[in-house]
N, C-alpha and C. Protein backbone atom coordinates (compact mmCIF):
# COMPACT_ATOMS: atom_id res chain seq x y z
N MET A 1 -8.99 -32.29 21.14
CA MET A 1 -7.94 -33.02 21.81
C MET A 1 -8.50 -34.34 22.33
N LYS A 2 -7.94 -35.44 21.88
CA LYS A 2 -8.37 -36.75 22.38
C LYS A 2 -7.61 -37.08 23.66
N THR A 3 -8.34 -37.58 24.64
CA THR A 3 -7.69 -37.98 25.89
C THR A 3 -7.25 -39.42 25.75
N PRO A 4 -6.31 -39.88 26.61
CA PRO A 4 -5.86 -41.28 26.53
C PRO A 4 -7.03 -42.28 26.64
N LYS A 5 -8.08 -41.92 27.37
CA LYS A 5 -9.22 -42.82 27.50
C LYS A 5 -10.00 -42.94 26.20
N LEU A 6 -9.81 -41.99 25.29
CA LEU A 6 -10.53 -42.01 24.01
C LEU A 6 -9.56 -42.24 22.85
N ASN A 7 -8.52 -43.02 23.10
CA ASN A 7 -7.46 -43.20 22.11
C ASN A 7 -7.82 -44.16 20.97
N LYS A 8 -8.88 -44.89 21.09
CA LYS A 8 -9.31 -45.76 20.00
C LYS A 8 -10.43 -45.06 19.22
N ARG A 9 -10.44 -45.24 17.93
CA ARG A 9 -11.40 -44.55 17.05
C ARG A 9 -12.84 -44.82 17.47
N TRP A 10 -13.19 -46.06 17.79
CA TRP A 10 -14.57 -46.37 18.13
C TRP A 10 -15.00 -45.71 19.43
N LYS A 11 -14.05 -45.56 20.39
CA LYS A 11 -14.36 -44.88 21.65
C LYS A 11 -14.66 -43.41 21.40
N TRP A 12 -13.81 -42.79 20.56
CA TRP A 12 -14.03 -41.38 20.24
C TRP A 12 -15.35 -41.19 19.49
N ASP A 13 -15.63 -42.07 18.54
CA ASP A 13 -16.89 -41.96 17.78
C ASP A 13 -18.10 -42.13 18.69
N LEU A 14 -18.03 -43.05 19.64
CA LEU A 14 -19.12 -43.25 20.59
C LEU A 14 -19.29 -42.02 21.49
N PHE A 15 -18.18 -41.47 21.97
CA PHE A 15 -18.22 -40.25 22.77
C PHE A 15 -18.82 -39.11 21.96
N ASP A 16 -18.38 -38.97 20.73
CA ASP A 16 -18.88 -37.92 19.84
C ASP A 16 -20.39 -38.05 19.64
N LEU A 17 -20.85 -39.26 19.38
CA LEU A 17 -22.28 -39.49 19.15
C LEU A 17 -23.10 -39.22 20.42
N LEU A 18 -22.71 -39.88 21.52
CA LEU A 18 -23.54 -39.81 22.73
C LEU A 18 -23.41 -38.50 23.50
N PHE A 19 -22.18 -38.03 23.69
CA PHE A 19 -22.01 -36.82 24.50
C PHE A 19 -22.17 -35.55 23.68
N ILE A 20 -21.41 -35.45 22.60
CA ILE A 20 -21.41 -34.20 21.84
C ILE A 20 -22.71 -34.04 21.04
N SER A 21 -23.12 -35.07 20.34
CA SER A 21 -24.30 -34.93 19.49
C SER A 21 -25.62 -35.06 20.24
N VAL A 22 -25.78 -36.08 21.06
CA VAL A 22 -27.07 -36.33 21.71
C VAL A 22 -27.20 -35.55 23.02
N PHE A 23 -26.27 -35.77 23.96
CA PHE A 23 -26.39 -35.16 25.29
C PHE A 23 -26.39 -33.63 25.22
N GLN A 24 -25.43 -33.06 24.50
CA GLN A 24 -25.34 -31.60 24.48
C GLN A 24 -26.55 -30.95 23.82
N ASN A 25 -27.10 -31.57 22.79
CA ASN A 25 -28.32 -31.02 22.18
C ASN A 25 -29.51 -31.15 23.12
N ALA A 26 -29.59 -32.26 23.85
CA ALA A 26 -30.66 -32.41 24.84
C ALA A 26 -30.50 -31.38 25.95
N LEU A 27 -29.26 -31.10 26.34
CA LEU A 27 -29.01 -30.11 27.37
C LEU A 27 -29.42 -28.71 26.91
N VAL A 28 -29.12 -28.36 25.67
CA VAL A 28 -29.54 -27.06 25.16
C VAL A 28 -31.07 -26.94 25.23
N LEU A 29 -31.76 -27.99 24.87
CA LEU A 29 -33.22 -27.98 24.98
C LEU A 29 -33.64 -27.82 26.45
N ALA A 30 -33.01 -28.55 27.34
CA ALA A 30 -33.38 -28.53 28.76
C ALA A 30 -33.15 -27.15 29.40
N ILE A 31 -32.05 -26.49 29.04
CA ILE A 31 -31.78 -25.19 29.66
C ILE A 31 -32.68 -24.09 29.11
N THR A 32 -33.33 -24.33 27.99
CA THR A 32 -34.27 -23.34 27.45
C THR A 32 -35.71 -23.62 27.86
N LEU A 33 -35.96 -24.70 28.59
CA LEU A 33 -37.32 -25.02 29.03
C LEU A 33 -37.98 -23.92 29.85
N PRO A 34 -37.25 -23.16 30.68
CA PRO A 34 -37.92 -22.07 31.39
C PRO A 34 -38.63 -21.10 30.45
N LEU A 35 -38.04 -20.85 29.30
CA LEU A 35 -38.68 -19.93 28.35
C LEU A 35 -39.97 -20.51 27.81
N LEU A 36 -39.99 -21.81 27.57
CA LEU A 36 -41.23 -22.47 27.12
C LEU A 36 -42.31 -22.34 28.19
N ALA A 37 -41.94 -22.56 29.44
CA ALA A 37 -42.90 -22.46 30.54
C ALA A 37 -43.43 -21.03 30.67
N VAL A 38 -42.55 -20.04 30.50
CA VAL A 38 -42.96 -18.64 30.61
C VAL A 38 -43.92 -18.27 29.47
N MET A 39 -43.65 -18.79 28.28
CA MET A 39 -44.53 -18.49 27.14
C MET A 39 -45.96 -18.97 27.39
N GLU A 40 -46.12 -20.01 28.18
CA GLU A 40 -47.44 -20.56 28.45
C GLU A 40 -48.13 -19.88 29.63
N SER A 41 -47.42 -18.99 30.31
CA SER A 41 -47.98 -18.30 31.48
C SER A 41 -48.88 -17.15 31.03
N ALA A 42 -49.92 -16.90 31.81
CA ALA A 42 -50.83 -15.79 31.52
C ALA A 42 -50.41 -14.51 32.25
N VAL A 43 -49.35 -14.58 33.09
CA VAL A 43 -48.88 -13.42 33.84
C VAL A 43 -48.21 -12.44 32.87
N VAL A 44 -48.56 -11.17 32.98
CA VAL A 44 -47.99 -10.16 32.08
C VAL A 44 -46.60 -9.75 32.55
N PHE A 45 -45.82 -9.23 31.62
CA PHE A 45 -44.47 -8.73 31.93
C PHE A 45 -44.58 -7.68 33.03
N ASN A 46 -43.73 -7.79 34.05
CA ASN A 46 -43.82 -6.88 35.20
C ASN A 46 -42.45 -6.36 35.59
N ILE A 47 -42.40 -5.62 36.67
CA ILE A 47 -41.15 -5.00 37.13
C ILE A 47 -40.08 -6.06 37.45
N PHE A 48 -40.50 -7.19 37.98
CA PHE A 48 -39.53 -8.26 38.28
C PHE A 48 -38.90 -8.80 37.00
N ASP A 49 -39.72 -8.91 35.95
CA ASP A 49 -39.19 -9.35 34.66
C ASP A 49 -38.16 -8.35 34.15
N GLY A 50 -38.43 -7.06 34.34
CA GLY A 50 -37.48 -6.03 33.92
C GLY A 50 -36.17 -6.14 34.68
N LEU A 51 -36.24 -6.37 35.98
CA LEU A 51 -35.03 -6.53 36.79
C LEU A 51 -34.26 -7.79 36.38
N ILE A 52 -34.99 -8.86 36.13
CA ILE A 52 -34.35 -10.11 35.69
C ILE A 52 -33.67 -9.90 34.34
N ALA A 53 -34.32 -9.17 33.44
CA ALA A 53 -33.73 -8.90 32.12
C ALA A 53 -32.44 -8.09 32.24
N VAL A 54 -32.43 -7.11 33.14
CA VAL A 54 -31.21 -6.30 33.36
C VAL A 54 -30.09 -7.20 33.92
N LEU A 55 -30.44 -8.05 34.88
CA LEU A 55 -29.47 -8.98 35.45
C LEU A 55 -28.93 -9.92 34.37
N LEU A 56 -29.81 -10.43 33.54
CA LEU A 56 -29.42 -11.32 32.45
C LEU A 56 -28.46 -10.62 31.49
N LEU A 57 -28.78 -9.39 31.11
CA LEU A 57 -27.90 -8.62 30.23
C LEU A 57 -26.54 -8.39 30.87
N GLY A 58 -26.54 -8.09 32.17
CA GLY A 58 -25.27 -7.90 32.88
C GLY A 58 -24.40 -9.15 32.85
N PHE A 59 -25.00 -10.31 33.07
CA PHE A 59 -24.23 -11.55 33.04
C PHE A 59 -23.72 -11.87 31.63
N ILE A 60 -24.52 -11.56 30.62
CA ILE A 60 -24.07 -11.78 29.23
C ILE A 60 -22.86 -10.89 28.94
N ILE A 61 -22.93 -9.64 29.37
CA ILE A 61 -21.81 -8.71 29.15
C ILE A 61 -20.56 -9.19 29.90
N LEU A 62 -20.73 -9.61 31.16
CA LEU A 62 -19.57 -10.07 31.94
C LEU A 62 -18.97 -11.35 31.38
N GLU A 63 -19.81 -12.26 30.88
CA GLU A 63 -19.25 -13.47 30.26
C GLU A 63 -18.47 -13.11 29.00
N THR A 64 -18.98 -12.18 28.23
CA THR A 64 -18.29 -11.73 27.03
C THR A 64 -16.94 -11.10 27.39
N ILE A 65 -16.93 -10.29 28.42
CA ILE A 65 -15.67 -9.67 28.88
C ILE A 65 -14.67 -10.74 29.30
N ALA A 66 -15.13 -11.73 30.08
CA ALA A 66 -14.23 -12.81 30.53
C ALA A 66 -13.68 -13.58 29.34
N ASP A 67 -14.53 -13.90 28.37
CA ASP A 67 -14.08 -14.64 27.19
C ASP A 67 -13.07 -13.82 26.38
N ARG A 68 -13.33 -12.53 26.23
CA ARG A 68 -12.42 -11.66 25.48
C ARG A 68 -11.07 -11.51 26.20
N GLN A 69 -11.12 -11.41 27.53
CA GLN A 69 -9.87 -11.31 28.29
C GLN A 69 -9.04 -12.57 28.12
N GLN A 70 -9.69 -13.73 28.16
CA GLN A 70 -8.96 -14.99 28.00
C GLN A 70 -8.40 -15.11 26.58
N MET A 71 -9.20 -14.75 25.59
CA MET A 71 -8.75 -14.82 24.20
C MET A 71 -7.57 -13.88 23.97
N SER A 72 -7.64 -12.69 24.49
CA SER A 72 -6.56 -11.72 24.34
C SER A 72 -5.28 -12.23 25.01
N PHE A 73 -5.42 -12.76 26.23
CA PHE A 73 -4.25 -13.28 26.95
C PHE A 73 -3.61 -14.43 26.18
N GLN A 74 -4.41 -15.41 25.79
CA GLN A 74 -3.86 -16.59 25.12
C GLN A 74 -3.27 -16.24 23.75
N THR A 75 -3.91 -15.33 23.02
CA THR A 75 -3.39 -14.90 21.72
C THR A 75 -2.02 -14.26 21.88
N LYS A 76 -1.90 -13.37 22.86
CA LYS A 76 -0.61 -12.70 23.10
C LYS A 76 0.45 -13.71 23.56
N LYS A 77 0.07 -14.60 24.48
CA LYS A 77 1.02 -15.60 24.99
C LYS A 77 1.55 -16.46 23.84
N TYR A 78 0.67 -16.94 22.99
CA TYR A 78 1.12 -17.81 21.90
C TYR A 78 1.88 -17.04 20.83
N SER A 79 1.58 -15.77 20.64
CA SER A 79 2.37 -14.99 19.68
C SER A 79 3.80 -14.80 20.21
N LEU A 80 3.93 -14.60 21.53
CA LEU A 80 5.26 -14.51 22.13
C LEU A 80 6.01 -15.84 22.05
N LEU A 81 5.32 -16.93 22.26
CA LEU A 81 5.95 -18.25 22.17
C LEU A 81 6.39 -18.56 20.74
N LYS A 82 5.65 -18.07 19.75
CA LYS A 82 6.01 -18.30 18.35
C LYS A 82 7.30 -17.57 17.97
N GLU A 83 7.66 -16.57 18.77
CA GLU A 83 8.92 -15.85 18.53
C GLU A 83 10.13 -16.66 18.99
N GLY A 84 9.87 -17.86 19.53
CA GLY A 84 10.95 -18.74 19.95
C GLY A 84 11.31 -18.65 21.42
N LYS A 85 10.58 -17.85 22.16
CA LYS A 85 10.84 -17.73 23.60
C LYS A 85 10.21 -18.90 24.33
N SER A 86 10.82 -19.27 25.46
CA SER A 86 10.20 -20.29 26.30
C SER A 86 9.24 -19.59 27.26
N LEU A 87 8.36 -20.35 27.88
CA LEU A 87 7.36 -19.79 28.77
C LEU A 87 8.00 -18.97 29.89
N LYS A 88 9.05 -19.50 30.49
CA LYS A 88 9.69 -18.79 31.62
C LYS A 88 10.36 -17.50 31.20
N ASP A 89 10.66 -17.34 29.90
CA ASP A 89 11.31 -16.12 29.41
C ASP A 89 10.30 -15.05 28.97
N LEU A 90 9.03 -15.37 29.03
CA LEU A 90 8.01 -14.39 28.62
C LEU A 90 7.86 -13.32 29.70
N PRO A 91 7.43 -12.12 29.32
CA PRO A 91 7.19 -11.08 30.34
C PRO A 91 5.97 -11.45 31.19
N GLU A 92 5.91 -10.83 32.38
CA GLU A 92 4.73 -11.03 33.22
C GLU A 92 3.53 -10.42 32.53
N PRO A 93 2.38 -10.95 32.64
CA PRO A 93 1.94 -12.14 33.37
C PRO A 93 1.98 -13.40 32.52
N TYR A 94 2.47 -13.28 31.27
CA TYR A 94 2.43 -14.40 30.32
C TYR A 94 3.32 -15.56 30.74
N ASN A 95 4.34 -15.29 31.54
CA ASN A 95 5.27 -16.33 31.96
C ASN A 95 4.63 -17.35 32.91
N LEU A 96 3.49 -17.02 33.49
CA LEU A 96 2.77 -18.00 34.31
C LEU A 96 2.14 -19.08 33.44
N GLY A 97 1.74 -18.70 32.24
CA GLY A 97 1.10 -19.64 31.32
C GLY A 97 -0.42 -19.58 31.38
N PHE A 98 -0.97 -19.02 32.43
CA PHE A 98 -2.43 -18.92 32.59
C PHE A 98 -2.77 -17.48 32.96
N ASN A 99 -3.99 -17.10 32.67
CA ASN A 99 -4.43 -15.72 32.83
C ASN A 99 -4.76 -15.39 34.29
N THR A 100 -4.21 -14.32 34.79
CA THR A 100 -4.52 -13.83 36.14
C THR A 100 -4.93 -12.36 36.10
N GLN A 101 -5.26 -11.87 34.93
CA GLN A 101 -5.61 -10.46 34.75
C GLN A 101 -7.13 -10.29 34.63
N GLY A 102 -7.61 -9.10 34.96
CA GLY A 102 -9.03 -8.79 34.83
C GLY A 102 -9.88 -9.70 35.71
N LEU A 103 -10.96 -10.20 35.16
CA LEU A 103 -11.85 -11.10 35.90
C LEU A 103 -11.14 -12.39 36.31
N TRP A 104 -10.13 -12.77 35.54
CA TRP A 104 -9.38 -14.00 35.82
C TRP A 104 -8.47 -13.85 37.04
N GLY A 105 -8.29 -12.65 37.50
CA GLY A 105 -7.54 -12.40 38.72
C GLY A 105 -8.41 -12.57 39.96
N ARG A 106 -9.70 -12.74 39.77
CA ARG A 106 -10.64 -12.91 40.89
C ARG A 106 -11.38 -14.24 40.84
N SER A 107 -11.34 -14.91 39.72
CA SER A 107 -12.02 -16.19 39.56
C SER A 107 -11.23 -17.03 38.57
N ARG A 108 -11.10 -18.31 38.87
CA ARG A 108 -10.38 -19.20 37.95
C ARG A 108 -11.22 -19.52 36.72
N HIS A 109 -12.53 -19.36 36.85
CA HIS A 109 -13.44 -19.66 35.73
C HIS A 109 -14.57 -18.62 35.69
N PRO A 110 -14.24 -17.34 35.48
CA PRO A 110 -15.32 -16.35 35.47
C PRO A 110 -16.30 -16.56 34.32
N ASN A 111 -15.79 -17.04 33.18
CA ASN A 111 -16.69 -17.29 32.06
C ASN A 111 -17.69 -18.40 32.40
N TYR A 112 -17.26 -19.43 33.11
CA TYR A 112 -18.17 -20.49 33.55
C TYR A 112 -19.20 -19.95 34.54
N PHE A 113 -18.73 -19.13 35.48
CA PHE A 113 -19.64 -18.57 36.48
C PHE A 113 -20.75 -17.76 35.80
N PHE A 114 -20.37 -16.86 34.90
CA PHE A 114 -21.37 -16.01 34.27
C PHE A 114 -22.26 -16.80 33.32
N GLU A 115 -21.72 -17.79 32.64
CA GLU A 115 -22.55 -18.66 31.78
C GLU A 115 -23.61 -19.37 32.61
N GLN A 116 -23.22 -19.95 33.73
CA GLN A 116 -24.19 -20.63 34.58
C GLN A 116 -25.20 -19.65 35.15
N ALA A 117 -24.75 -18.47 35.50
CA ALA A 117 -25.64 -17.44 36.04
C ALA A 117 -26.70 -17.05 35.01
N ILE A 118 -26.32 -16.99 33.74
CA ILE A 118 -27.27 -16.66 32.68
C ILE A 118 -28.44 -17.64 32.69
N TRP A 119 -28.15 -18.92 32.78
CA TRP A 119 -29.22 -19.92 32.69
C TRP A 119 -30.05 -19.98 33.97
N ILE A 120 -29.44 -19.68 35.09
CA ILE A 120 -30.22 -19.62 36.33
C ILE A 120 -31.12 -18.39 36.33
N VAL A 121 -30.61 -17.28 35.82
CA VAL A 121 -31.43 -16.07 35.72
C VAL A 121 -32.60 -16.30 34.76
N LEU A 122 -32.38 -17.01 33.68
CA LEU A 122 -33.51 -17.33 32.79
C LEU A 122 -34.58 -18.10 33.55
N TYR A 123 -34.15 -18.96 34.45
CA TYR A 123 -35.09 -19.71 35.28
C TYR A 123 -35.93 -18.76 36.15
N LEU A 124 -35.32 -17.65 36.60
CA LEU A 124 -36.04 -16.69 37.44
C LEU A 124 -37.28 -16.14 36.74
N PHE A 125 -37.26 -16.09 35.40
CA PHE A 125 -38.45 -15.65 34.67
C PHE A 125 -39.66 -16.55 34.98
N THR A 126 -39.40 -17.85 35.23
CA THR A 126 -40.53 -18.75 35.55
C THR A 126 -41.15 -18.40 36.89
N ILE A 127 -40.32 -18.00 37.84
CA ILE A 127 -40.85 -17.61 39.15
C ILE A 127 -41.68 -16.34 39.02
N SER A 128 -41.15 -15.38 38.27
CA SER A 128 -41.88 -14.13 38.05
C SER A 128 -43.20 -14.38 37.31
N ALA A 129 -43.21 -15.39 36.45
CA ALA A 129 -44.42 -15.72 35.69
C ALA A 129 -45.38 -16.61 36.45
N GLY A 130 -45.00 -16.96 37.68
CA GLY A 130 -45.89 -17.79 38.50
C GLY A 130 -45.86 -19.27 38.19
N VAL A 131 -44.82 -19.72 37.48
CA VAL A 131 -44.69 -21.13 37.14
C VAL A 131 -43.90 -21.81 38.26
N VAL A 132 -44.57 -22.11 39.37
CA VAL A 132 -43.89 -22.71 40.51
C VAL A 132 -44.64 -23.95 40.96
N SER A 133 -43.89 -24.93 41.43
CA SER A 133 -44.48 -26.15 41.96
C SER A 133 -44.26 -26.22 43.46
N TYR A 134 -43.04 -25.96 43.89
CA TYR A 134 -42.66 -26.03 45.30
C TYR A 134 -41.94 -24.74 45.67
N ILE A 135 -42.64 -23.80 46.22
CA ILE A 135 -42.14 -22.49 46.61
C ILE A 135 -41.51 -21.79 45.40
N PHE A 136 -40.17 -21.89 45.22
CA PHE A 136 -39.51 -21.25 44.08
C PHE A 136 -38.98 -22.26 43.06
N PHE A 137 -39.45 -23.48 43.12
CA PHE A 137 -38.90 -24.52 42.26
C PHE A 137 -39.97 -25.08 41.32
N ASN A 138 -39.49 -25.45 40.13
CA ASN A 138 -40.34 -26.16 39.17
C ASN A 138 -39.46 -27.02 38.28
N TRP A 139 -40.08 -27.81 37.46
CA TRP A 139 -39.39 -28.80 36.63
C TRP A 139 -38.39 -28.20 35.65
N THR A 140 -38.51 -26.94 35.31
CA THR A 140 -37.61 -26.36 34.31
C THR A 140 -36.22 -26.06 34.85
N LEU A 141 -36.01 -26.22 36.14
CA LEU A 141 -34.70 -25.99 36.75
C LEU A 141 -33.71 -27.11 36.42
N VAL A 142 -34.22 -28.24 35.99
CA VAL A 142 -33.37 -29.42 35.73
C VAL A 142 -32.25 -29.11 34.75
N GLY A 143 -32.53 -28.42 33.67
CA GLY A 143 -31.50 -28.11 32.67
C GLY A 143 -30.35 -27.31 33.24
N ALA A 144 -30.67 -26.27 34.01
CA ALA A 144 -29.61 -25.44 34.60
C ALA A 144 -28.77 -26.25 35.59
N MET A 145 -29.41 -27.14 36.34
CA MET A 145 -28.67 -27.95 37.32
C MET A 145 -27.74 -28.94 36.62
N VAL A 146 -28.20 -29.55 35.53
CA VAL A 146 -27.34 -30.47 34.76
C VAL A 146 -26.18 -29.69 34.15
N LEU A 147 -26.45 -28.48 33.68
CA LEU A 147 -25.38 -27.65 33.11
C LEU A 147 -24.33 -27.33 34.17
N ILE A 148 -24.76 -27.01 35.37
CA ILE A 148 -23.82 -26.73 36.46
C ILE A 148 -22.95 -27.95 36.74
N LEU A 149 -23.54 -29.13 36.76
CA LEU A 149 -22.75 -30.36 36.97
C LEU A 149 -21.74 -30.55 35.85
N LEU A 150 -22.16 -30.27 34.62
CA LEU A 150 -21.26 -30.39 33.47
C LEU A 150 -20.08 -29.42 33.60
N PHE A 151 -20.36 -28.19 34.01
CA PHE A 151 -19.30 -27.20 34.19
C PHE A 151 -18.36 -27.59 35.33
N MET A 152 -18.90 -28.20 36.38
CA MET A 152 -18.05 -28.66 37.48
C MET A 152 -17.05 -29.70 36.98
N GLY A 153 -17.54 -30.64 36.18
CA GLY A 153 -16.65 -31.66 35.61
C GLY A 153 -15.65 -31.07 34.64
N SER A 154 -16.11 -30.14 33.83
CA SER A 154 -15.23 -29.51 32.85
C SER A 154 -14.13 -28.70 33.53
N SER A 155 -14.49 -27.97 34.59
CA SER A 155 -13.47 -27.17 35.29
C SER A 155 -12.47 -28.07 36.00
N LEU A 156 -12.92 -29.17 36.56
CA LEU A 156 -12.00 -30.13 37.19
C LEU A 156 -11.01 -30.68 36.17
N PHE A 157 -11.53 -31.05 35.00
CA PHE A 157 -10.70 -31.56 33.92
C PHE A 157 -9.66 -30.53 33.47
N SER A 158 -10.11 -29.29 33.23
CA SER A 158 -9.18 -28.26 32.74
C SER A 158 -8.17 -27.85 33.81
N GLU A 159 -8.59 -27.86 35.07
CA GLU A 159 -7.64 -27.50 36.13
C GLU A 159 -6.57 -28.57 36.31
N ASN A 160 -6.92 -29.82 36.12
CA ASN A 160 -5.91 -30.88 36.19
C ASN A 160 -4.88 -30.72 35.09
N ILE A 161 -5.32 -30.31 33.91
CA ILE A 161 -4.39 -30.05 32.81
C ILE A 161 -3.47 -28.89 33.17
N SER A 162 -4.07 -27.80 33.68
CA SER A 162 -3.27 -26.62 34.05
C SER A 162 -2.28 -26.93 35.17
N LEU A 163 -2.70 -27.73 36.14
CA LEU A 163 -1.78 -28.12 37.23
C LEU A 163 -0.58 -28.89 36.69
N SER A 164 -0.81 -29.72 35.69
CA SER A 164 0.30 -30.52 35.14
C SER A 164 1.22 -29.67 34.25
N LYS A 165 0.73 -28.56 33.70
CA LYS A 165 1.53 -27.73 32.79
C LYS A 165 2.21 -26.54 33.45
N TYR A 166 1.57 -25.96 34.48
CA TYR A 166 2.04 -24.70 35.03
C TYR A 166 2.30 -24.81 36.53
N PRO A 167 3.54 -24.70 36.96
CA PRO A 167 3.88 -24.86 38.38
C PRO A 167 3.14 -23.89 39.31
N MET A 168 2.90 -22.66 38.88
CA MET A 168 2.26 -21.66 39.76
C MET A 168 0.74 -21.82 39.83
N TYR A 169 0.19 -22.74 39.08
CA TYR A 169 -1.27 -22.88 39.08
C TYR A 169 -1.79 -23.34 40.45
N LYS A 170 -0.99 -24.11 41.16
CA LYS A 170 -1.40 -24.56 42.50
C LYS A 170 -1.56 -23.37 43.43
N ASP A 171 -0.65 -22.41 43.35
CA ASP A 171 -0.75 -21.20 44.15
C ASP A 171 -2.02 -20.42 43.77
N TYR A 172 -2.28 -20.33 42.50
CA TYR A 172 -3.47 -19.65 41.98
C TYR A 172 -4.75 -20.29 42.53
N ILE A 173 -4.78 -21.63 42.55
CA ILE A 173 -5.95 -22.35 43.07
C ILE A 173 -6.19 -21.99 44.54
N HIS A 174 -5.13 -21.90 45.30
CA HIS A 174 -5.27 -21.61 46.73
C HIS A 174 -5.66 -20.16 47.02
N LYS A 175 -5.44 -19.27 46.08
CA LYS A 175 -5.68 -17.86 46.34
C LYS A 175 -6.91 -17.28 45.64
N VAL A 176 -7.44 -17.98 44.65
CA VAL A 176 -8.53 -17.42 43.85
C VAL A 176 -9.72 -18.36 43.86
N SER A 177 -10.90 -17.79 44.00
CA SER A 177 -12.15 -18.55 43.98
C SER A 177 -12.29 -19.31 42.66
N LYS A 178 -12.87 -20.47 42.72
CA LYS A 178 -13.04 -21.27 41.51
C LYS A 178 -14.03 -20.61 40.54
N TYR A 179 -15.14 -20.12 41.06
CA TYR A 179 -16.17 -19.54 40.19
C TYR A 179 -16.51 -18.09 40.52
N VAL A 180 -16.97 -17.84 41.71
CA VAL A 180 -17.47 -16.51 42.08
C VAL A 180 -16.31 -15.53 42.18
N PRO A 181 -16.32 -14.45 41.40
CA PRO A 181 -15.21 -13.49 41.43
C PRO A 181 -15.13 -12.78 42.79
N LEU A 182 -14.18 -13.18 43.60
CA LEU A 182 -14.04 -12.63 44.95
C LEU A 182 -12.68 -11.99 45.16
N ARG A 183 -11.78 -12.72 45.80
CA ARG A 183 -10.46 -12.19 46.16
C ARG A 183 -9.59 -11.96 44.93
N ARG A 184 -8.74 -10.97 45.04
CA ARG A 184 -7.79 -10.65 43.98
C ARG A 184 -6.56 -11.54 44.11
N TYR A 185 -6.06 -12.05 42.99
CA TYR A 185 -4.87 -12.90 42.98
C TYR A 185 -3.62 -12.06 43.17
N ASN A 186 -2.78 -12.47 44.11
CA ASN A 186 -1.47 -11.88 44.31
C ASN A 186 -0.45 -13.00 44.22
N LYS A 187 0.37 -12.94 43.21
CA LYS A 187 1.37 -13.96 42.94
C LYS A 187 2.46 -13.93 44.01
N ILE A 188 2.99 -15.12 44.34
CA ILE A 188 4.15 -15.23 45.22
C ILE A 188 5.33 -14.56 44.53
N LYS A 189 6.03 -13.73 45.24
CA LYS A 189 7.20 -13.04 44.64
C LYS A 189 8.45 -13.85 44.81
């Protein structure tokens, strides 16, 4: 989807080259730097590494669940819309237009939360391996921090789109955490 700011071909091509091709590939490299640092460590695999691995697996599973819940919701919503019904005529919860079920009932972006958690947990391997510069910090954290900033911008962008399309999204924003799955969403009756 091209935004109005990218409505000219050269602007889109420049965005594609710099952001999608160069920046995102550099970011993938940066978020994997903790693994490079761990590979160079002489510290052997220990109990903390085992706990970190379990945490990492848990976040991967939860992100997969969030993605599947969103895909299932959107697939069903669009199949109902293809039957010629309008959004307001769809059964609950599809008539809202956005997902409020499962993890999405506790977080507006659970998939983003768990994705970011995965990369921060990978960073924890560097601490367990003794790759530290300042207490619990080292240079390999940069990739995860840039990724978090990117997700913040992406969520702001997507929420502005949802606010313009779905009247109840404002209520959802006020009742549900942006990232961390906390309170349960209860729709205004």
